[in-house]
Amino acid sequence: MSTKIAVLDYGIGNLRSAEKALQKVGADAKLVADPKEASAADALVLPGVGAFGRCMEALRESGLDEVAIDGIRAGKPFLGICIGMQMLYEGSEEDAEVAGLGVLPGAVRRLPEGVKHPQMQWNVLQPLKPESPVLAGLTAPAWAYFVHSYAPDASDDVVATCDYGGSVVAAVERGRLWATQFHPEKSGAVGLRLLTNFVAAAA
């Protein structure tokens, strides 16, 4: 039986593009709004675009926040994308009164001054842990597409950064929890390779 991947559908942003990219690399992936159905999936993907606070509120209203936390704690393969990555942390300077999921330590902070906000461009990934399965098979230089004004604190979980007014966290890995600040579904061959890596790790 194929690995069933639930793309958590909490009603914000273009979630279908992540679903379609996963399907393109051969995954049995679909948008899932029902928490019970999402809980039954073998792997979970949390995309996100827009404002941290609004995304967190929508995720909590949908009941999918508990699905995400329970899945991560149970060791299910999990991929957070863009705001979906930021929501994994304790909170964000963007909406300081809204708590994040808190499954990764630290906070999300505004990009350095002196650069354009948001970073909306292709940028080169700088691997910190080239042996990470997240980065397996990525071409060098690996160009990825970013759209964001905030990024997480540096930590031992970081496997890749990019340079944007300084070092900016681009990808993290903690066991079977992966997350990217860039959009794999918009990052051409590099993004599709990363999604292929995730599907393989989830199998």
N, C-alpha and C. Protein backbone atom coordinates (compact mmCIF):
# COMPACT_ATOMS: atom_id res chain seq x y z
N MET A 1 0.84 -1.20 0.00
CA MET A 1 0.00 0.00 0.00
C MET A 1 0.87 1.25 0.00
N SER A 2 0.43 2.27 -0.73
CA SER A 2 1.22 3.50 -0.80
C SER A 2 1.05 4.31 0.47
N THR A 3 2.05 5.13 0.73
CA THR A 3 2.02 6.01 1.90
C THR A 3 1.03 7.14 1.66
N LYS A 4 0.08 7.30 2.56
CA LYS A 4 -0.92 8.36 2.40
C LYS A 4 -0.43 9.63 3.10
N ILE A 5 -0.34 10.70 2.31
CA ILE A 5 0.14 11.98 2.83
C ILE A 5 -1.02 12.97 2.87
N ALA A 6 -1.30 13.50 4.05
CA ALA A 6 -2.35 14.51 4.20
C ALA A 6 -1.73 15.90 4.17
N VAL A 7 -2.17 16.72 3.22
CA VAL A 7 -1.81 18.13 3.20
C VAL A 7 -2.88 18.86 4.02
N LEU A 8 -2.50 19.38 5.16
CA LEU A 8 -3.48 19.91 6.11
C LEU A 8 -4.17 21.16 5.54
N ASP A 9 -5.48 21.03 5.35
CA ASP A 9 -6.28 22.07 4.70
C ASP A 9 -7.04 22.86 5.75
N TYR A 10 -6.45 23.98 6.19
CA TYR A 10 -7.09 24.83 7.20
C TYR A 10 -7.62 26.11 6.58
N GLY A 11 -7.73 26.12 5.24
CA GLY A 11 -8.47 27.17 4.56
C GLY A 11 -7.74 28.45 4.24
N ILE A 12 -6.40 28.46 4.38
CA ILE A 12 -5.65 29.69 4.09
C ILE A 12 -4.57 29.42 3.06
N GLY A 13 -4.51 30.28 2.04
CA GLY A 13 -3.41 30.20 1.08
C GLY A 13 -3.66 29.18 -0.01
N ASN A 14 -2.71 29.10 -0.92
CA ASN A 14 -2.82 28.17 -2.05
C ASN A 14 -2.26 26.81 -1.64
N LEU A 15 -3.05 26.07 -0.89
CA LEU A 15 -2.60 24.78 -0.40
C LEU A 15 -2.54 23.74 -1.52
N ARG A 16 -3.32 23.98 -2.57
CA ARG A 16 -3.39 22.99 -3.65
C ARG A 16 -2.07 22.86 -4.40
N SER A 17 -1.29 23.94 -4.44
CA SER A 17 -0.02 23.88 -5.17
C SER A 17 0.93 22.89 -4.51
N ALA A 18 0.91 22.81 -3.16
CA ALA A 18 1.73 21.83 -2.46
C ALA A 18 1.22 20.42 -2.74
N GLU A 19 -0.10 20.27 -2.72
CA GLU A 19 -0.70 18.96 -3.01
C GLU A 19 -0.29 18.49 -4.42
N LYS A 20 -0.41 19.38 -5.39
CA LYS A 20 -0.10 19.00 -6.78
C LYS A 20 1.37 18.67 -6.96
N ALA A 21 2.26 19.41 -6.29
CA ALA A 21 3.69 19.14 -6.41
C ALA A 21 4.02 17.77 -5.83
N LEU A 22 3.40 17.42 -4.71
CA LEU A 22 3.62 16.09 -4.12
C LEU A 22 3.10 15.00 -5.04
N GLN A 23 1.95 15.23 -5.64
CA GLN A 23 1.41 14.25 -6.58
C GLN A 23 2.31 14.11 -7.80
N LYS A 24 2.93 15.21 -8.19
CA LYS A 24 3.82 15.19 -9.36
C LYS A 24 5.02 14.26 -9.13
N VAL A 25 5.49 14.15 -7.89
CA VAL A 25 6.63 13.27 -7.60
C VAL A 25 6.16 11.87 -7.19
N GLY A 26 4.88 11.60 -7.42
CA GLY A 26 4.38 10.23 -7.23
C GLY A 26 3.75 9.94 -5.89
N ALA A 27 3.52 10.96 -5.08
CA ALA A 27 2.96 10.74 -3.74
C ALA A 27 1.45 10.56 -3.82
N ASP A 28 0.92 9.75 -2.92
CA ASP A 28 -0.52 9.64 -2.70
C ASP A 28 -0.88 10.73 -1.70
N ALA A 29 -1.01 11.97 -2.22
CA ALA A 29 -1.21 13.14 -1.36
C ALA A 29 -2.52 13.81 -1.70
N LYS A 30 -3.21 14.29 -0.67
CA LYS A 30 -4.43 15.05 -0.92
C LYS A 30 -4.69 16.02 0.21
N LEU A 31 -5.43 17.09 -0.12
CA LEU A 31 -5.84 18.06 0.89
C LEU A 31 -6.84 17.40 1.83
N VAL A 32 -6.64 17.58 3.13
CA VAL A 32 -7.52 16.99 4.13
C VAL A 32 -7.90 18.06 5.15
N ALA A 33 -9.22 18.29 5.30
CA ALA A 33 -9.70 19.27 6.26
C ALA A 33 -10.22 18.61 7.54
N ASP A 34 -10.59 17.35 7.46
CA ASP A 34 -11.17 16.65 8.60
C ASP A 34 -10.08 16.11 9.52
N PRO A 35 -10.05 16.53 10.79
CA PRO A 35 -8.98 16.09 11.69
C PRO A 35 -8.87 14.58 11.83
N LYS A 36 -10.00 13.89 11.86
CA LYS A 36 -9.96 12.43 12.02
C LYS A 36 -9.30 11.77 10.81
N GLU A 37 -9.65 12.25 9.62
CA GLU A 37 -9.04 11.71 8.41
C GLU A 37 -7.55 12.04 8.35
N ALA A 38 -7.20 13.27 8.74
CA ALA A 38 -5.79 13.67 8.73
C ALA A 38 -4.98 12.83 9.71
N SER A 39 -5.57 12.52 10.86
CA SER A 39 -4.88 11.71 11.87
C SER A 39 -4.56 10.32 11.37
N ALA A 40 -5.37 9.83 10.42
CA ALA A 40 -5.19 8.48 9.91
C ALA A 40 -4.12 8.41 8.82
N ALA A 41 -3.65 9.56 8.33
CA ALA A 41 -2.64 9.57 7.27
C ALA A 41 -1.29 9.10 7.80
N ASP A 42 -0.44 8.64 6.90
CA ASP A 42 0.89 8.15 7.28
C ASP A 42 1.89 9.27 7.46
N ALA A 43 1.66 10.40 6.78
CA ALA A 43 2.57 11.54 6.82
C ALA A 43 1.75 12.82 6.67
N LEU A 44 2.29 13.92 7.16
CA LEU A 44 1.56 15.19 7.18
C LEU A 44 2.41 16.30 6.57
N VAL A 45 1.72 17.20 5.85
CA VAL A 45 2.38 18.37 5.28
C VAL A 45 1.58 19.60 5.69
N LEU A 46 2.28 20.61 6.23
CA LEU A 46 1.64 21.86 6.67
C LEU A 46 2.20 23.02 5.86
N PRO A 47 1.52 23.44 4.79
CA PRO A 47 1.95 24.62 4.05
C PRO A 47 1.40 25.88 4.74
N GLY A 48 1.80 27.03 4.26
CA GLY A 48 1.24 28.26 4.80
C GLY A 48 1.79 29.48 4.10
N VAL A 49 0.90 30.45 3.86
CA VAL A 49 1.31 31.75 3.31
C VAL A 49 0.51 32.82 4.03
N GLY A 50 1.06 34.03 4.10
CA GLY A 50 0.35 35.13 4.73
C GLY A 50 0.93 35.46 6.09
N ALA A 51 0.05 35.86 7.02
CA ALA A 51 0.47 36.33 8.34
C ALA A 51 0.46 35.18 9.34
N PHE A 52 1.47 35.15 10.19
CA PHE A 52 1.61 34.10 11.20
C PHE A 52 0.36 33.97 12.07
N GLY A 53 -0.10 35.10 12.61
CA GLY A 53 -1.23 35.05 13.54
C GLY A 53 -2.49 34.52 12.90
N ARG A 54 -2.79 34.98 11.71
CA ARG A 54 -4.01 34.53 11.02
C ARG A 54 -3.92 33.04 10.70
N CYS A 55 -2.74 32.59 10.28
CA CYS A 55 -2.57 31.17 9.97
C CYS A 55 -2.74 30.32 11.23
N MET A 56 -2.16 30.76 12.34
CA MET A 56 -2.30 30.00 13.60
C MET A 56 -3.76 29.94 14.03
N GLU A 57 -4.45 31.06 13.92
CA GLU A 57 -5.87 31.08 14.33
C GLU A 57 -6.68 30.12 13.47
N ALA A 58 -6.44 30.14 12.17
CA ALA A 58 -7.19 29.26 11.26
C ALA A 58 -6.86 27.79 11.54
N LEU A 59 -5.58 27.52 11.81
CA LEU A 59 -5.18 26.15 12.10
C LEU A 59 -5.87 25.65 13.36
N ARG A 60 -5.92 26.50 14.40
CA ARG A 60 -6.56 26.09 15.65
C ARG A 60 -8.08 25.94 15.47
N GLU A 61 -8.68 26.85 14.71
CA GLU A 61 -10.13 26.75 14.47
C GLU A 61 -10.49 25.46 13.74
N SER A 62 -9.57 24.99 12.88
CA SER A 62 -9.83 23.78 12.10
C SER A 62 -9.66 22.49 12.91
N GLY A 63 -8.98 22.61 14.06
CA GLY A 63 -8.68 21.41 14.84
C GLY A 63 -7.47 20.65 14.34
N LEU A 64 -6.85 21.15 13.28
CA LEU A 64 -5.70 20.45 12.70
C LEU A 64 -4.40 20.74 13.45
N ASP A 65 -4.44 21.73 14.36
CA ASP A 65 -3.24 21.99 15.17
C ASP A 65 -2.90 20.79 16.04
N GLU A 66 -3.92 20.16 16.63
CA GLU A 66 -3.69 18.98 17.46
C GLU A 66 -3.21 17.80 16.62
N VAL A 67 -3.74 17.70 15.41
CA VAL A 67 -3.30 16.63 14.50
C VAL A 67 -1.81 16.79 14.22
N ALA A 68 -1.38 18.03 13.97
CA ALA A 68 0.03 18.30 13.68
C ALA A 68 0.90 17.95 14.89
N ILE A 69 0.53 18.44 16.06
CA ILE A 69 1.32 18.19 17.27
C ILE A 69 1.39 16.70 17.58
N ASP A 70 0.23 16.03 17.54
CA ASP A 70 0.19 14.59 17.85
C ASP A 70 1.01 13.79 16.85
N GLY A 71 0.91 14.18 15.57
CA GLY A 71 1.66 13.46 14.54
C GLY A 71 3.16 13.60 14.72
N ILE A 72 3.61 14.81 15.04
CA ILE A 72 5.04 15.05 15.26
C ILE A 72 5.53 14.27 16.48
N ARG A 73 4.75 14.33 17.54
CA ARG A 73 5.14 13.61 18.77
C ARG A 73 5.17 12.10 18.55
N ALA A 74 4.31 11.61 17.67
CA ALA A 74 4.27 10.17 17.38
C ALA A 74 5.36 9.75 16.40
N GLY A 75 6.12 10.73 15.88
CA GLY A 75 7.19 10.41 14.94
C GLY A 75 6.75 10.23 13.51
N LYS A 76 5.56 10.75 13.17
CA LYS A 76 5.13 10.67 11.76
C LYS A 76 6.00 11.60 10.91
N PRO A 77 6.29 11.21 9.68
CA PRO A 77 6.97 12.15 8.77
C PRO A 77 6.12 13.41 8.62
N PHE A 78 6.78 14.55 8.76
CA PHE A 78 6.06 15.83 8.78
C PHE A 78 6.89 16.85 8.03
N LEU A 79 6.24 17.62 7.15
CA LEU A 79 6.93 18.67 6.40
C LEU A 79 6.17 19.98 6.56
N GLY A 80 6.84 21.01 7.14
CA GLY A 80 6.27 22.35 7.21
C GLY A 80 6.87 23.22 6.11
N ILE A 81 6.04 24.04 5.49
CA ILE A 81 6.47 24.87 4.36
C ILE A 81 6.14 26.34 4.64
N CYS A 82 7.13 27.22 4.57
CA CYS A 82 7.00 28.67 4.70
C CYS A 82 6.34 29.02 6.05
N ILE A 83 5.14 29.60 6.07
CA ILE A 83 4.51 29.89 7.36
C ILE A 83 4.25 28.58 8.11
N GLY A 84 4.05 27.50 7.37
CA GLY A 84 3.91 26.19 8.00
C GLY A 84 5.15 25.79 8.79
N MET A 85 6.30 26.26 8.37
CA MET A 85 7.53 26.08 9.15
C MET A 85 7.51 26.99 10.37
N GLN A 86 7.16 28.26 10.17
CA GLN A 86 7.19 29.23 11.27
C GLN A 86 6.24 28.84 12.39
N MET A 87 5.11 28.25 12.04
CA MET A 87 4.11 27.87 13.05
C MET A 87 4.61 26.76 13.98
N LEU A 88 5.67 26.07 13.59
CA LEU A 88 6.22 25.00 14.43
C LEU A 88 6.95 25.55 15.65
N TYR A 89 7.30 26.83 15.61
CA TYR A 89 8.08 27.44 16.69
C TYR A 89 7.16 27.99 17.80
N GLU A 90 7.77 28.55 18.83
CA GLU A 90 7.01 29.00 20.00
C GLU A 90 6.17 30.24 19.71
N GLY A 91 6.66 31.07 18.79
CA GLY A 91 5.93 32.29 18.46
C GLY A 91 6.68 33.08 17.41
N SER A 92 6.11 34.24 17.06
CA SER A 92 6.70 35.08 16.01
C SER A 92 6.58 36.55 16.38
N GLU A 93 7.61 37.31 16.06
CA GLU A 93 7.55 38.76 16.25
C GLU A 93 6.45 39.40 15.41
N GLU A 94 6.01 38.72 14.37
CA GLU A 94 4.98 39.28 13.49
C GLU A 94 3.66 39.45 14.26
N ASP A 95 3.33 38.48 15.10
CA ASP A 95 2.12 38.52 15.92
C ASP A 95 2.49 37.99 17.30
N ALA A 96 3.08 38.85 18.11
CA ALA A 96 3.72 38.40 19.35
C ALA A 96 2.73 37.82 20.36
N GLU A 97 1.45 38.19 20.23
CA GLU A 97 0.47 37.72 21.21
C GLU A 97 -0.07 36.32 20.87
N VAL A 98 0.28 35.80 19.69
CA VAL A 98 -0.23 34.50 19.25
C VAL A 98 0.84 33.44 19.45
N ALA A 99 0.50 32.38 20.17
CA ALA A 99 1.45 31.29 20.39
C ALA A 99 1.53 30.38 19.17
N GLY A 100 2.74 29.89 18.89
CA GLY A 100 2.91 28.89 17.85
C GLY A 100 2.66 27.50 18.40
N LEU A 101 2.94 26.49 17.60
CA LEU A 101 2.73 25.11 18.03
C LEU A 101 3.75 24.68 19.08
N GLY A 102 4.94 25.30 19.07
CA GLY A 102 5.93 25.05 20.11
C GLY A 102 6.60 23.69 20.04
N VAL A 103 6.61 23.07 18.87
CA VAL A 103 7.30 21.78 18.75
C VAL A 103 8.78 21.96 18.41
N LEU A 104 9.16 23.16 18.01
CA LEU A 104 10.57 23.50 17.83
C LEU A 104 10.88 24.68 18.75
N PRO A 105 12.07 24.70 19.36
CA PRO A 105 12.40 25.77 20.29
C PRO A 105 12.75 27.07 19.57
N GLY A 106 12.46 28.18 20.25
CA GLY A 106 12.84 29.47 19.69
C GLY A 106 11.67 30.19 19.04
N ALA A 107 11.97 31.34 18.48
CA ALA A 107 10.94 32.19 17.90
C ALA A 107 11.31 32.56 16.47
N VAL A 108 10.34 33.16 15.80
CA VAL A 108 10.51 33.62 14.43
C VAL A 108 10.67 35.13 14.48
N ARG A 109 11.70 35.64 13.78
CA ARG A 109 12.02 37.06 13.90
C ARG A 109 12.09 37.74 12.53
N ARG A 110 11.89 39.05 12.56
CA ARG A 110 11.92 39.84 11.32
C ARG A 110 13.30 39.75 10.67
N LEU A 111 13.31 39.69 9.36
CA LEU A 111 14.58 39.66 8.62
C LEU A 111 15.39 40.92 8.93
N PRO A 112 16.71 40.85 8.74
CA PRO A 112 17.56 41.99 9.11
C PRO A 112 17.15 43.28 8.41
N GLU A 113 17.44 44.38 9.06
CA GLU A 113 17.24 45.69 8.41
C GLU A 113 18.28 45.84 7.30
N GLY A 114 17.98 46.72 6.38
CA GLY A 114 18.92 46.97 5.30
C GLY A 114 18.69 46.11 4.08
N VAL A 115 17.72 45.20 4.15
CA VAL A 115 17.32 44.40 2.98
C VAL A 115 15.84 44.62 2.74
N LYS A 116 15.40 44.33 1.54
CA LYS A 116 14.00 44.53 1.20
C LYS A 116 13.13 43.51 1.91
N HIS A 117 11.99 43.99 2.42
CA HIS A 117 11.01 43.10 3.04
C HIS A 117 9.75 43.10 2.19
N PRO A 118 9.23 41.95 1.78
CA PRO A 118 9.77 40.62 2.06
C PRO A 118 10.94 40.27 1.14
N GLN A 119 11.67 39.20 1.51
CA GLN A 119 12.53 38.55 0.53
C GLN A 119 11.59 37.82 -0.43
N MET A 120 11.56 38.26 -1.66
CA MET A 120 10.70 37.64 -2.66
C MET A 120 11.56 37.39 -3.89
N GLN A 121 12.26 36.26 -3.88
CA GLN A 121 13.24 36.01 -4.93
C GLN A 121 13.78 34.58 -4.84
N TRP A 122 14.53 34.21 -5.86
CA TRP A 122 15.33 32.98 -5.82
C TRP A 122 16.60 33.27 -5.03
N ASN A 123 17.02 32.32 -4.21
CA ASN A 123 18.25 32.47 -3.45
C ASN A 123 18.92 31.11 -3.35
N VAL A 124 20.23 31.12 -3.13
CA VAL A 124 20.99 29.87 -3.10
C VAL A 124 20.99 29.27 -1.70
N LEU A 125 20.68 28.00 -1.60
CA LEU A 125 20.76 27.30 -0.32
C LEU A 125 22.21 27.03 0.02
N GLN A 126 22.55 27.26 1.28
CA GLN A 126 23.90 27.00 1.77
C GLN A 126 23.82 25.87 2.79
N PRO A 127 24.18 24.65 2.38
CA PRO A 127 24.03 23.50 3.26
C PRO A 127 24.95 23.60 4.48
N LEU A 128 24.39 23.37 5.66
CA LEU A 128 25.18 23.25 6.88
C LEU A 128 25.43 21.79 7.22
N LYS A 129 24.51 20.93 6.80
CA LYS A 129 24.62 19.49 7.03
C LYS A 129 24.31 18.78 5.71
N PRO A 130 25.32 18.72 4.81
CA PRO A 130 25.08 18.15 3.48
C PRO A 130 24.60 16.70 3.53
N GLU A 131 24.88 16.02 4.67
CA GLU A 131 24.47 14.62 4.78
C GLU A 131 22.98 14.47 5.14
N SER A 132 22.30 15.58 5.42
CA SER A 132 20.89 15.52 5.80
C SER A 132 20.05 14.93 4.68
N PRO A 133 19.12 14.02 4.98
CA PRO A 133 18.24 13.47 3.95
C PRO A 133 17.36 14.54 3.30
N VAL A 134 17.16 15.66 3.98
CA VAL A 134 16.40 16.76 3.38
C VAL A 134 17.08 17.23 2.10
N LEU A 135 18.42 17.26 2.12
CA LEU A 135 19.20 17.85 1.03
C LEU A 135 19.73 16.82 0.04
N ALA A 136 19.40 15.57 0.22
CA ALA A 136 19.98 14.50 -0.61
C ALA A 136 19.71 14.74 -2.09
N GLY A 137 20.79 14.69 -2.88
CA GLY A 137 20.64 14.78 -4.32
C GLY A 137 20.39 16.16 -4.88
N LEU A 138 20.42 17.20 -4.03
CA LEU A 138 20.20 18.55 -4.55
C LEU A 138 21.41 19.01 -5.35
N THR A 139 21.16 19.61 -6.48
CA THR A 139 22.23 20.13 -7.32
C THR A 139 22.91 21.31 -6.63
N ALA A 140 24.15 21.56 -6.97
CA ALA A 140 24.85 22.73 -6.42
C ALA A 140 25.27 23.64 -7.58
N PRO A 141 24.99 24.94 -7.51
CA PRO A 141 24.25 25.59 -6.43
C PRO A 141 22.75 25.25 -6.49
N ALA A 142 22.13 25.11 -5.32
CA ALA A 142 20.71 24.79 -5.24
C ALA A 142 19.91 26.07 -5.04
N TRP A 143 19.18 26.46 -6.07
CA TRP A 143 18.38 27.69 -6.01
C TRP A 143 16.97 27.35 -5.55
N ALA A 144 16.45 28.12 -4.60
CA ALA A 144 15.10 27.91 -4.09
C ALA A 144 14.37 29.24 -4.04
N TYR A 145 13.03 29.16 -4.07
CA TYR A 145 12.22 30.38 -4.14
C TYR A 145 11.64 30.74 -2.77
N PHE A 146 11.93 31.96 -2.34
CA PHE A 146 11.52 32.46 -1.02
C PHE A 146 10.51 33.60 -1.16
N VAL A 147 9.53 33.63 -0.25
CA VAL A 147 8.65 34.79 -0.09
C VAL A 147 8.37 34.90 1.41
N HIS A 148 9.08 35.79 2.11
CA HIS A 148 8.90 35.90 3.56
C HIS A 148 9.58 37.16 4.09
N SER A 149 9.07 37.63 5.25
CA SER A 149 9.68 38.76 5.95
C SER A 149 10.23 38.37 7.31
N TYR A 150 9.96 37.12 7.71
CA TYR A 150 10.38 36.61 9.02
C TYR A 150 11.03 35.25 8.83
N ALA A 151 11.88 34.87 9.78
CA ALA A 151 12.54 33.56 9.72
C ALA A 151 12.88 33.12 11.14
N PRO A 152 13.00 31.79 11.35
CA PRO A 152 13.24 31.28 12.69
C PRO A 152 14.64 31.58 13.20
N ASP A 153 14.77 31.50 14.53
CA ASP A 153 16.08 31.55 15.18
C ASP A 153 16.96 30.40 14.68
N ALA A 154 18.26 30.64 14.66
CA ALA A 154 19.20 29.56 14.37
C ALA A 154 19.18 28.54 15.50
N SER A 155 19.42 27.27 15.15
CA SER A 155 19.43 26.21 16.16
C SER A 155 20.20 25.01 15.60
N ASP A 156 20.36 24.00 16.43
CA ASP A 156 21.04 22.78 16.00
C ASP A 156 20.26 22.01 14.94
N ASP A 157 18.97 22.35 14.77
CA ASP A 157 18.13 21.64 13.79
C ASP A 157 18.34 22.15 12.36
N VAL A 158 19.03 23.28 12.21
CA VAL A 158 19.15 23.90 10.88
C VAL A 158 20.08 23.08 9.99
N VAL A 159 19.60 22.75 8.80
CA VAL A 159 20.42 22.00 7.84
C VAL A 159 20.84 22.85 6.65
N ALA A 160 20.17 24.00 6.43
CA ALA A 160 20.56 24.89 5.33
C ALA A 160 20.12 26.31 5.66
N THR A 161 20.92 27.26 5.18
CA THR A 161 20.60 28.67 5.31
C THR A 161 20.64 29.31 3.93
N CYS A 162 20.29 30.60 3.87
CA CYS A 162 20.58 31.41 2.69
C CYS A 162 21.11 32.74 3.20
N ASP A 163 21.69 33.51 2.31
CA ASP A 163 22.26 34.80 2.68
C ASP A 163 21.29 35.89 2.26
N TYR A 164 20.75 36.62 3.23
CA TYR A 164 19.88 37.76 2.93
C TYR A 164 20.06 38.79 4.03
N GLY A 165 21.06 39.63 3.85
CA GLY A 165 21.42 40.58 4.89
C GLY A 165 22.06 39.90 6.09
N GLY A 166 22.56 38.69 5.87
CA GLY A 166 23.08 37.84 6.93
C GLY A 166 22.55 36.44 6.73
N SER A 167 22.93 35.55 7.63
CA SER A 167 22.50 34.16 7.51
C SER A 167 21.04 34.01 7.94
N VAL A 168 20.24 33.40 7.06
CA VAL A 168 18.80 33.21 7.31
C VAL A 168 18.49 31.72 7.25
N VAL A 169 17.76 31.22 8.25
CA VAL A 169 17.40 29.80 8.28
C VAL A 169 16.52 29.47 7.07
N ALA A 170 16.93 28.44 6.32
CA ALA A 170 16.19 28.03 5.12
C ALA A 170 15.54 26.66 5.26
N ALA A 171 16.16 25.75 6.03
CA ALA A 171 15.59 24.41 6.19
C ALA A 171 16.05 23.82 7.51
N VAL A 172 15.16 23.06 8.15
CA VAL A 172 15.49 22.40 9.41
C VAL A 172 15.08 20.93 9.33
N GLU A 173 15.73 20.14 10.18
CA GLU A 173 15.39 18.73 10.29
C GLU A 173 15.57 18.30 11.74
N ARG A 174 14.54 17.71 12.31
CA ARG A 174 14.66 17.10 13.64
C ARG A 174 14.00 15.73 13.54
N GLY A 175 14.81 14.72 13.32
CA GLY A 175 14.27 13.39 13.11
C GLY A 175 13.39 13.36 11.86
N ARG A 176 12.13 12.99 12.03
CA ARG A 176 11.22 12.90 10.88
C ARG A 176 10.44 14.19 10.66
N LEU A 177 10.79 15.22 11.42
CA LEU A 177 10.20 16.54 11.23
C LEU A 177 11.13 17.37 10.34
N TRP A 178 10.63 17.72 9.18
CA TRP A 178 11.37 18.57 8.24
C TRP A 178 10.58 19.86 8.04
N ALA A 179 11.29 20.95 7.73
CA ALA A 179 10.59 22.19 7.39
C ALA A 179 11.49 23.07 6.55
N THR A 180 10.86 23.82 5.64
CA THR A 180 11.59 24.74 4.76
C THR A 180 10.96 26.11 4.80
N GLN A 181 11.80 27.15 4.86
CA GLN A 181 11.30 28.52 4.77
C GLN A 181 10.95 28.87 3.33
N PHE A 182 11.62 28.25 2.39
CA PHE A 182 11.31 28.46 0.96
C PHE A 182 10.15 27.56 0.55
N HIS A 183 9.68 27.77 -0.67
CA HIS A 183 8.56 27.00 -1.21
C HIS A 183 9.08 25.91 -2.15
N PRO A 184 9.13 24.65 -1.72
CA PRO A 184 9.58 23.60 -2.63
C PRO A 184 8.70 23.50 -3.88
N GLU A 185 7.40 23.75 -3.70
CA GLU A 185 6.47 23.60 -4.84
C GLU A 185 6.66 24.70 -5.88
N LYS A 186 7.46 25.72 -5.55
CA LYS A 186 7.75 26.81 -6.51
C LYS A 186 9.23 26.87 -6.88
N SER A 187 9.98 25.85 -6.45
CA SER A 187 11.44 25.90 -6.58
C SER A 187 11.99 24.96 -7.66
N GLY A 188 11.18 24.66 -8.68
CA GLY A 188 11.67 23.89 -9.81
C GLY A 188 12.22 22.53 -9.42
N ALA A 189 13.30 22.14 -10.09
CA ALA A 189 13.87 20.81 -9.89
C ALA A 189 14.38 20.60 -8.46
N VAL A 190 14.93 21.66 -7.86
CA VAL A 190 15.42 21.55 -6.48
C VAL A 190 14.27 21.23 -5.53
N GLY A 191 13.17 21.95 -5.68
CA GLY A 191 12.02 21.72 -4.82
C GLY A 191 11.41 20.34 -5.02
N LEU A 192 11.31 19.91 -6.27
CA LEU A 192 10.75 18.59 -6.53
C LEU A 192 11.65 17.50 -5.97
N ARG A 193 12.96 17.70 -6.01
CA ARG A 193 13.87 16.72 -5.44
C ARG A 193 13.68 16.64 -3.92
N LEU A 194 13.53 17.80 -3.27
CA LEU A 194 13.31 17.78 -1.83
C LEU A 194 12.00 17.06 -1.49
N LEU A 195 10.96 17.32 -2.27
CA LEU A 195 9.69 16.63 -2.03
C LEU A 195 9.83 15.13 -2.27
N THR A 196 10.61 14.76 -3.28
CA THR A 196 10.89 13.34 -3.52
C THR A 196 11.59 12.73 -2.33
N ASN A 197 12.54 13.46 -1.75
CA ASN A 197 13.24 12.98 -0.54
C ASN A 197 12.26 12.76 0.60
N PHE A 198 11.31 13.70 0.75
CA PHE A 198 10.34 13.57 1.84
C PHE A 198 9.44 12.36 1.62
N VAL A 199 8.97 12.18 0.40
CA VAL A 199 8.10 11.04 0.10
C VAL A 199 8.84 9.73 0.34
N ALA A 200 10.13 9.70 -0.05
CA ALA A 200 10.94 8.48 0.18
C ALA A 200 11.13 8.23 1.66
N ALA A 201 11.35 9.28 2.43
CA ALA A 201 11.55 9.13 3.88
C ALA A 201 10.26 8.69 4.55
N ALA A 202 9.13 9.08 3.98
CA ALA A 202 7.83 8.73 4.57
C ALA A 202 7.42 7.30 4.22
N ALA A 203 8.01 6.74 3.19
CA ALA A 203 7.58 5.42 2.70
C ALA A 203 7.90 4.32 3.72
